[in-house]
Amino acid sequence: MITLYDWELSANCYKVRLLMSILGLDHHAVPVDFYPGWEHKSAEFAKINPLGHIPVIDDDGYVLRDSHAILVYLAARYDKSGRWYPVDDPEVLGETASWLLFAEGTTNTASAARLYVNLGYDFDIDAVRAGAHRLFGVLDEHLWFREREGLDWVTSSPHPTIADLALFPDVALSEEGGVSREDYPALRRWTDRFRQIDGFTVMPGIFAPSRAAPPG
C-alpha cells in the first residue's frame, strides 16, 4: 500500500490525495504536523525528505517527493486508461508537461498568497497576488479559446490530465489568499467541470460539487 506523508490543509498534498481518489488507490496517510509544529523541518523528517517538503510517498519502498513528480508517477504506473498522463500521445504529453510547469507558477503565487494569509509566511503579498492574477488571466483566456474549440481542459485531450489536477487546488483555494476569481469566467467554469469528475474528493476550503450540470 502507498504511504503518503500528508497535511490535510496542504494544497500540494491534496493534489496527491485527489489523484489517488480518482484512480481508486488505497493509501495509508501519515499526518505531518506542518503547522504549528513544523515537523517537516525536523531532523527526523529529513531522513524521509532532506529538502523538508511535503508531500512524500513511499510505494513499497520507492520513495518520491514533490507533488507534481508524484502525480506523474502515480498516473504513469496506476492509470490503466492512460488518459491522466498520456504517454502514447506525444503532443498531449508535451502540453501536459508545459502546464505542469505553469502550475509551479500558480503554486508560487496564488498558493503563496494563501500561506501568507493563513500561516503568516513572509512573502511580498502584493507581488504574489499580482503574479497570480497575471497567470489566471493567461489561463482564463486559454480556457476560453479551448471552449470555442469544444474542449473542456487545459490540453487538447478530451479528458482531463494531471495538468488540470495540478492547477485545480491553487485556483480553487485562491480566494483564501485574497486572489479573486470574479474576473475569470472561463476559469470558474473549468473548476465547476473539474468538480464533476468521478472520484473527486474534498479538502477544507474545497467543497463537494452539485451534481447539476455546470454552467456553460
C-alpha atoms as a PDB file:
ATOM      1  CA  MET A   1       0.000   0.000   0.000  1.00  0.00           C
ATOM      2  CA  ILE A   2       1.133   3.536  -0.719  1.00  0.00           C
ATOM      3  CA  THR A   3       2.127   5.622   2.301  1.00  0.00           C
ATOM      4  CA  LEU A   4       1.521   9.363   2.000  1.00  0.00           C
ATOM      5  CA  TYR A   5       3.199  11.836   4.314  1.00  0.00           C
ATOM      6  CA  ASP A   6       0.378  14.320   4.457  1.00  0.00           C
ATOM      7  CA  TRP A   7      -1.016  17.535   5.906  1.00  0.00           C
ATOM      8  CA  GLU A   8      -4.751  17.992   5.455  1.00  0.00           C
ATOM      9  CA  LEU A   9      -4.563  21.713   4.672  1.00  0.00           C
ATOM     10  CA  SER A  10      -1.758  21.462   2.120  1.00  0.00           C
ATOM     11  CA  ALA A  11      -2.866  22.084  -1.460  1.00  0.00           C
ATOM     12  CA  ASN A  12       0.071  20.026  -2.721  1.00  0.00           C
ATOM     13  CA  CYS A  13      -0.820  17.064  -0.516  1.00  0.00           C
ATOM     14  CA  TYR A  14      -4.431  17.397  -1.665  1.00  0.00           C
ATOM     15  CA  LYS A  15      -3.302  17.037  -5.290  1.00  0.00           C
ATOM     16  CA  VAL A  16      -1.913  13.600  -4.455  1.00  0.00           C
ATOM     17  CA  ARG A  17      -4.947  12.553  -2.404  1.00  0.00           C
ATOM     18  CA  LEU A  18      -7.218  13.718  -5.210  1.00  0.00           C
ATOM     19  CA  LEU A  19      -5.468  11.690  -7.889  1.00  0.00           C
ATOM     20  CA  MET A  20      -5.414   8.598  -5.689  1.00  0.00           C
ATOM     21  CA  SER A  21      -9.138   9.015  -5.072  1.00  0.00           C
ATOM     22  CA  ILE A  22      -9.849   9.384  -8.789  1.00  0.00           C
ATOM     23  CA  LEU A  23      -7.734   6.317  -9.593  1.00  0.00           C
ATOM     24  CA  GLY A  24      -9.237   4.308  -6.716  1.00  0.00           C
ATOM     25  CA  LEU A  25      -5.879   3.793  -5.000  1.00  0.00           C
ATOM     26  CA  ASP A  26      -5.843   2.891  -1.335  1.00  0.00           C
ATOM     27  CA  HIS A  27      -3.219   4.595   0.760  1.00  0.00           C
ATOM     28  CA  HIS A  28      -2.069   4.985   4.325  1.00  0.00           C
ATOM     29  CA  ALA A  29      -1.745   8.596   5.459  1.00  0.00           C
ATOM     30  CA  VAL A  30       0.949   9.603   7.929  1.00  0.00           C
ATOM     31  CA  PRO A  31      -0.033  13.035   9.271  1.00  0.00           C
ATOM     32  CA  VAL A  32       2.807  15.555   9.390  1.00  0.00           C
ATOM     33  CA  ASP A  33       2.474  18.451  11.842  1.00  0.00           C
ATOM     34  CA  PHE A  34       3.279  21.078   9.232  1.00  0.00           C
ATOM     35  CA  TYR A  35       1.884  23.945  11.307  1.00  0.00           C
ATOM     36  CA  PRO A  36       2.423  24.903  14.041  1.00  0.00           C
ATOM     37  CA  GLY A  37       4.811  22.012  14.704  1.00  0.00           C
ATOM     38  CA  TRP A  38       6.999  22.403  11.584  1.00  0.00           C
ATOM     39  CA  GLU A  39       7.599  18.656  11.734  1.00  0.00           C
ATOM     40  CA  HIS A  40       8.596  18.628   8.057  1.00  0.00           C
ATOM     41  CA  LYS A  41      11.683  20.653   9.014  1.00  0.00           C
ATOM     42  CA  SER A  42      12.773  18.241  11.743  1.00  0.00           C
ATOM     43  CA  ALA A  43      15.908  16.105  11.668  1.00  0.00           C
ATOM     44  CA  GLU A  44      13.711  13.005  11.780  1.00  0.00           C
ATOM     45  CA  PHE A  45      11.704  14.022   8.729  1.00  0.00           C
ATOM     46  CA  ALA A  46      14.925  14.896   6.888  1.00  0.00           C
ATOM     47  CA  LYS A  47      15.562  11.148   6.716  1.00  0.00           C
ATOM     48  CA  ILE A  48      12.437  10.929   4.541  1.00  0.00           C
ATOM     49  CA  ASN A  49      12.924  14.136   2.577  1.00  0.00           C
ATOM     50  CA  PRO A  50      16.121  16.115   3.180  1.00  0.00           C
ATOM     51  CA  LEU A  51      14.516  19.123   1.465  1.00  0.00           C
ATOM     52  CA  GLY A  52      11.931  19.326   4.247  1.00  0.00           C
ATOM     53  CA  HIS A  53       8.891  19.407   1.981  1.00  0.00           C
ATOM     54  CA  ILE A  54       5.607  17.520   1.783  1.00  0.00           C
ATOM     55  CA  PRO A  55       4.034  15.541   0.223  1.00  0.00           C
ATOM     56  CA  VAL A  56       6.204  12.440   0.075  1.00  0.00           C
ATOM     57  CA  ILE A  57       5.052   8.966  -0.876  1.00  0.00           C
ATOM     58  CA  ASP A  58       6.524   5.573  -0.125  1.00  0.00           C
ATOM     59  CA  ASP A  59       5.225   2.996  -2.585  1.00  0.00           C
ATOM     60  CA  ASP A  60       6.510  -0.346  -1.332  1.00  0.00           C
ATOM     61  CA  GLY A  61       9.962   1.097  -0.700  1.00  0.00           C
ATOM     62  CA  TYR A  62      10.026   3.540  -3.598  1.00  0.00           C
ATOM     63  CA  VAL A  63      10.189   6.998  -2.009  1.00  0.00           C
ATOM     64  CA  LEU A  64       9.291  10.045  -4.082  1.00  0.00           C
ATOM     65  CA  ARG A  65       8.904  13.710  -3.166  1.00  0.00           C
ATOM     66  CA  ASP A  66       7.318  16.732  -4.904  1.00  0.00           C
ATOM     67  CA  SER A  67       3.622  16.762  -5.650  1.00  0.00           C
ATOM     68  CA  HIS A  68       3.898  17.077  -9.426  1.00  0.00           C
ATOM     69  CA  ALA A  69       6.527  14.348  -9.681  1.00  0.00           C
ATOM     70  CA  ILE A  70       4.236  12.141  -7.601  1.00  0.00           C
ATOM     71  CA  LEU A  71       1.314  12.874  -9.942  1.00  0.00           C
ATOM     72  CA  VAL A  72       3.424  11.801 -12.928  1.00  0.00           C
ATOM     73  CA  TYR A  73       4.488   8.609 -11.184  1.00  0.00           C
ATOM     74  CA  LEU A  74       1.051   7.597  -9.942  1.00  0.00           C
ATOM     75  CA  ALA A  75      -0.669   8.285 -13.251  1.00  0.00           C
ATOM     76  CA  ALA A  76       2.024   6.534 -15.296  1.00  0.00           C
ATOM     77  CA  ARG A  77       2.031   3.496 -13.022  1.00  0.00           C
ATOM     78  CA  TYR A  78      -1.587   3.083 -11.978  1.00  0.00           C
ATOM     79  CA  ASP A  79      -3.877   4.744 -14.518  1.00  0.00           C
ATOM     80  CA  LYS A  80      -4.831   1.863 -16.767  1.00  0.00           C
ATOM     81  CA  SER A  81      -6.724   4.206 -19.107  1.00  0.00           C
ATOM     82  CA  GLY A  82      -3.569   6.157 -19.905  1.00  0.00           C
ATOM     83  CA  ARG A  83      -5.561   9.376 -20.011  1.00  0.00           C
ATOM     84  CA  TRP A  84      -4.275  11.259 -16.979  1.00  0.00           C
ATOM     85  CA  TYR A  85      -0.646  11.114 -18.176  1.00  0.00           C
ATOM     86  CA  PRO A  86      -0.964  10.347 -21.905  1.00  0.00           C
ATOM     87  CA  VAL A  87       2.415   8.807 -22.724  1.00  0.00           C
ATOM     88  CA  ASP A  88       1.094   7.404 -26.011  1.00  0.00           C
ATOM     89  CA  ASP A  89       0.187  10.844 -27.371  1.00  0.00           C
ATOM     90  CA  PRO A  90       3.384  12.940 -27.708  1.00  0.00           C
ATOM     91  CA  GLU A  91       1.535  16.184 -28.422  1.00  0.00           C
ATOM     92  CA  VAL A  92      -0.796  15.962 -25.432  1.00  0.00           C
ATOM     93  CA  LEU A  93       2.079  14.720 -23.284  1.00  0.00           C
ATOM     94  CA  GLY A  94       4.083  17.814 -24.239  1.00  0.00           C
ATOM     95  CA  GLU A  95       1.129  20.055 -23.409  1.00  0.00           C
ATOM     96  CA  THR A  96       0.715  18.275 -20.088  1.00  0.00           C
ATOM     97  CA  ALA A  97       4.361  18.866 -19.211  1.00  0.00           C
ATOM     98  CA  SER A  98       4.061  22.522 -20.200  1.00  0.00           C
ATOM     99  CA  TRP A  99       1.025  23.102 -17.992  1.00  0.00           C
ATOM    100  CA  LEU A 100       2.641  21.246 -15.091  1.00  0.00           C
ATOM    101  CA  LEU A 101       5.416  23.836 -15.254  1.00  0.00           C
ATOM    102  CA  PHE A 102       2.766  26.563 -15.403  1.00  0.00           C
ATOM    103  CA  ALA A 103       1.262  25.063 -12.228  1.00  0.00           C
ATOM    104  CA  GLU A 104       4.549  25.678 -10.434  1.00  0.00           C
ATOM    105  CA  GLY A 105       3.820  29.347 -11.068  1.00  0.00           C
ATOM    106  CA  THR A 106       0.316  29.204  -9.609  1.00  0.00           C
ATOM    107  CA  THR A 107       1.740  27.427  -6.564  1.00  0.00           C
ATOM    108  CA  ASN A 108       4.342  30.154  -6.124  1.00  0.00           C
ATOM    109  CA  THR A 109       1.757  32.934  -6.429  1.00  0.00           C
ATOM    110  CA  ALA A 110      -1.853  32.019  -5.629  1.00  0.00           C
ATOM    111  CA  SER A 111      -0.927  29.367  -3.071  1.00  0.00           C
ATOM    112  CA  ALA A 112       1.815  31.590  -1.654  1.00  0.00           C
ATOM    113  CA  ALA A 113      -0.799  34.271  -1.015  1.00  0.00           C
ATOM    114  CA  ARG A 114      -2.867  31.691   0.854  1.00  0.00           C
ATOM    115  CA  LEU A 115       0.140  30.800   3.029  1.00  0.00           C
ATOM    116  CA  TYR A 116       0.708  34.483   3.738  1.00  0.00           C
ATOM    117  CA  VAL A 117      -2.872  34.966   4.929  1.00  0.00           C
ATOM    118  CA  ASN A 118      -3.362  31.688   6.793  1.00  0.00           C
ATOM    119  CA  LEU A 119       0.088  30.950   8.195  1.00  0.00           C
ATOM    120  CA  GLY A 120       1.894  34.278   8.164  1.00  0.00           C
ATOM    121  CA  TYR A 121       4.548  33.341   5.609  1.00  0.00           C
ATOM    122  CA  ASP A 122       6.926  36.196   4.801  1.00  0.00           C
ATOM    123  CA  PHE A 123       6.012  36.891   1.176  1.00  0.00           C
ATOM    124  CA  ASP A 124       5.615  40.146  -0.736  1.00  0.00           C
ATOM    125  CA  ILE A 125       1.845  39.815  -0.778  1.00  0.00           C
ATOM    126  CA  ASP A 126       1.266  42.459  -3.432  1.00  0.00           C
ATOM    127  CA  ALA A 127       3.766  40.765  -5.737  1.00  0.00           C
ATOM    128  CA  VAL A 128       2.388  37.252  -5.317  1.00  0.00           C
ATOM    129  CA  ARG A 129      -1.208  38.404  -5.773  1.00  0.00           C
ATOM    130  CA  ALA A 130      -0.251  40.335  -8.892  1.00  0.00           C
ATOM    131  CA  GLY A 131       1.582  37.271 -10.187  1.00  0.00           C
ATOM    132  CA  ALA A 132      -1.461  35.091  -9.531  1.00  0.00           C
ATOM    133  CA  HIS A 133      -3.728  37.462 -11.441  1.00  0.00           C
ATOM    134  CA  ARG A 134      -1.319  37.524 -14.379  1.00  0.00           C
ATOM    135  CA  LEU A 135      -1.312  33.723 -14.545  1.00  0.00           C
ATOM    136  CA  PHE A 136      -5.065  33.469 -14.007  1.00  0.00           C
ATOM    137  CA  GLY A 137      -5.563  35.853 -16.905  1.00  0.00           C
ATOM    138  CA  VAL A 138      -3.415  33.678 -19.170  1.00  0.00           C
ATOM    139  CA  LEU A 139      -5.211  30.522 -18.066  1.00  0.00           C
ATOM    140  CA  ASP A 140      -8.681  32.066 -18.367  1.00  0.00           C
ATOM    141  CA  GLU A 141      -8.004  33.216 -21.927  1.00  0.00           C
ATOM    142  CA  HIS A 142      -6.572  29.806 -22.843  1.00  0.00           C
ATOM    143  CA  LEU A 143      -9.610  28.006 -21.452  1.00  0.00           C
ATOM    144  CA  TRP A 144     -11.976  30.408 -23.236  1.00  0.00           C
ATOM    145  CA  PHE A 145     -10.379  29.556 -26.578  1.00  0.00           C
ATOM    146  CA  ARG A 146     -10.442  25.850 -25.693  1.00  0.00           C
ATOM    147  CA  GLU A 147     -14.180  26.123 -25.095  1.00  0.00           C
ATOM    148  CA  ARG A 148     -14.619  27.680 -28.547  1.00  0.00           C
ATOM    149  CA  GLU A 149     -12.956  24.521 -29.915  1.00  0.00           C
ATOM    150  CA  GLY A 150     -15.337  22.274 -27.969  1.00  0.00           C
ATOM    151  CA  LEU A 151     -12.646  21.303 -25.457  1.00  0.00           C
ATOM    152  CA  ASP A 152     -13.043  21.384 -21.688  1.00  0.00           C
ATOM    153  CA  TRP A 153      -9.489  21.001 -20.361  1.00  0.00           C
ATOM    154  CA  VAL A 154      -6.124  22.730 -20.497  1.00  0.00           C
ATOM    155  CA  THR A 155      -4.633  20.319 -23.041  1.00  0.00           C
ATOM    156  CA  SER A 156      -6.126  19.289 -26.374  1.00  0.00           C
ATOM    157  CA  SER A 157      -7.180  15.963 -24.857  1.00  0.00           C
ATOM    158  CA  PRO A 158     -10.930  15.392 -24.460  1.00  0.00           C
ATOM    159  CA  HIS A 159     -10.096  14.077 -20.967  1.00  0.00           C
ATOM    160  CA  PRO A 160      -8.523  15.977 -18.065  1.00  0.00           C
ATOM    161  CA  THR A 161      -4.871  15.253 -17.381  1.00  0.00           C
ATOM    162  CA  ILE A 162      -2.679  15.648 -14.342  1.00  0.00           C
ATOM    163  CA  ALA A 163      -2.033  19.184 -15.606  1.00  0.00           C
ATOM    164  CA  ASP A 164      -5.651  20.110 -14.827  1.00  0.00           C
ATOM    165  CA  LEU A 165      -5.355  18.360 -11.485  1.00  0.00           C
ATOM    166  CA  ALA A 166      -2.116  20.188 -10.596  1.00  0.00           C
ATOM    167  CA  LEU A 167      -3.699  23.558 -11.337  1.00  0.00           C
ATOM    168  CA  PHE A 168      -7.080  22.956  -9.729  1.00  0.00           C
ATOM    169  CA  PRO A 169      -6.295  23.401  -5.989  1.00  0.00           C
ATOM    170  CA  ASP A 170      -4.222  26.554  -6.487  1.00  0.00           C
ATOM    171  CA  VAL A 171      -7.162  28.094  -8.361  1.00  0.00           C
ATOM    172  CA  ALA A 172      -9.959  26.694  -6.204  1.00  0.00           C
ATOM    173  CA  LEU A 173      -8.354  27.943  -2.968  1.00  0.00           C
ATOM    174  CA  SER A 174      -7.235  31.314  -4.323  1.00  0.00           C
ATOM    175  CA  GLU A 175      -9.894  33.348  -2.516  1.00  0.00           C
ATOM    176  CA  GLU A 176      -8.259  32.344   0.791  1.00  0.00           C
ATOM    177  CA  GLY A 177      -5.218  34.310  -0.317  1.00  0.00           C
ATOM    178  CA  GLY A 178      -7.214  37.322  -1.431  1.00  0.00           C
ATOM    179  CA  VAL A 179      -6.985  36.419  -5.132  1.00  0.00           C
ATOM    180  CA  SER A 180     -10.481  36.789  -6.549  1.00  0.00           C
ATOM    181  CA  ARG A 181     -11.698  34.712  -9.493  1.00  0.00           C
ATOM    182  CA  GLU A 182     -14.536  37.124 -10.268  1.00  0.00           C
ATOM    183  CA  ASP A 183     -12.945  38.380 -13.478  1.00  0.00           C
ATOM    184  CA  TYR A 184     -12.166  34.912 -14.868  1.00  0.00           C
ATOM    185  CA  PRO A 185     -15.409  33.279 -16.064  1.00  0.00           C
ATOM    186  CA  ALA A 186     -13.770  30.530 -18.140  1.00  0.00           C
ATOM    187  CA  LEU A 187     -11.599  29.645 -15.165  1.00  0.00           C
ATOM    188  CA  ARG A 188     -14.672  29.363 -12.954  1.00  0.00           C
ATOM    189  CA  ARG A 189     -16.439  27.142 -15.481  1.00  0.00           C
ATOM    190  CA  TRP A 190     -13.363  24.895 -15.626  1.00  0.00           C
ATOM    191  CA  THR A 191     -13.301  24.486 -11.833  1.00  0.00           C
ATOM    192  CA  ASP A 192     -17.009  23.587 -11.949  1.00  0.00           C
ATOM    193  CA  ARG A 193     -16.292  20.930 -14.579  1.00  0.00           C
ATOM    194  CA  PHE A 194     -13.411  19.513 -12.589  1.00  0.00           C
ATOM    195  CA  ARG A 195     -15.604  19.036  -9.525  1.00  0.00           C
ATOM    196  CA  GLN A 196     -17.840  16.729 -11.571  1.00  0.00           C
ATOM    197  CA  ILE A 197     -15.076  14.171 -12.210  1.00  0.00           C
ATOM    198  CA  ASP A 198     -15.779  10.696 -10.811  1.00  0.00           C
ATOM    199  CA  GLY A 199     -13.731  10.143  -7.678  1.00  0.00           C
ATOM    200  CA  PHE A 200     -13.499  13.849  -6.851  1.00  0.00           C
ATOM    201  CA  THR A 201     -12.792  14.356  -3.173  1.00  0.00           C
ATOM    202  CA  VAL A 202     -12.711  17.412  -0.949  1.00  0.00           C
ATOM    203  CA  MET A 203     -10.425  19.202   1.483  1.00  0.00           C
ATOM    204  CA  PRO A 204     -11.076  22.138   3.818  1.00  0.00           C
ATOM    205  CA  GLY A 205     -11.949  25.061   1.571  1.00  0.00           C
ATOM    206  CA  ILE A 206     -12.882  22.873  -1.404  1.00  0.00           C
ATOM    207  CA  PHE A 207     -16.386  21.517  -1.247  1.00  0.00           C
ATOM    208  CA  ALA A 208     -18.334  18.733  -2.907  1.00  0.00           C
ATOM    209  CA  PRO A 209     -19.967  19.688  -6.187  1.00  0.00           C
ATOM    210  CA  SER A 210     -23.587  19.879  -7.061  1.00  0.00           C
ATOM    211  CA  ARG A 211     -24.363  17.069  -9.499  1.00  0.00           C
ATOM    212  CA  ALA A 212     -26.249  19.517 -11.660  1.00  0.00           C
ATOM    213  CA  ALA A 213     -24.622  20.267 -14.977  1.00  0.00           C
ATOM    214  CA  PRO A 214     -22.106  23.135 -14.646  1.00  0.00           C
ATOM    215  CA  PRO A 215     -22.951  26.421 -16.332  1.00  0.00           C
ATOM    216  CA  GLY A 216     -21.959  26.805 -19.954  1.00  0.00           C
END
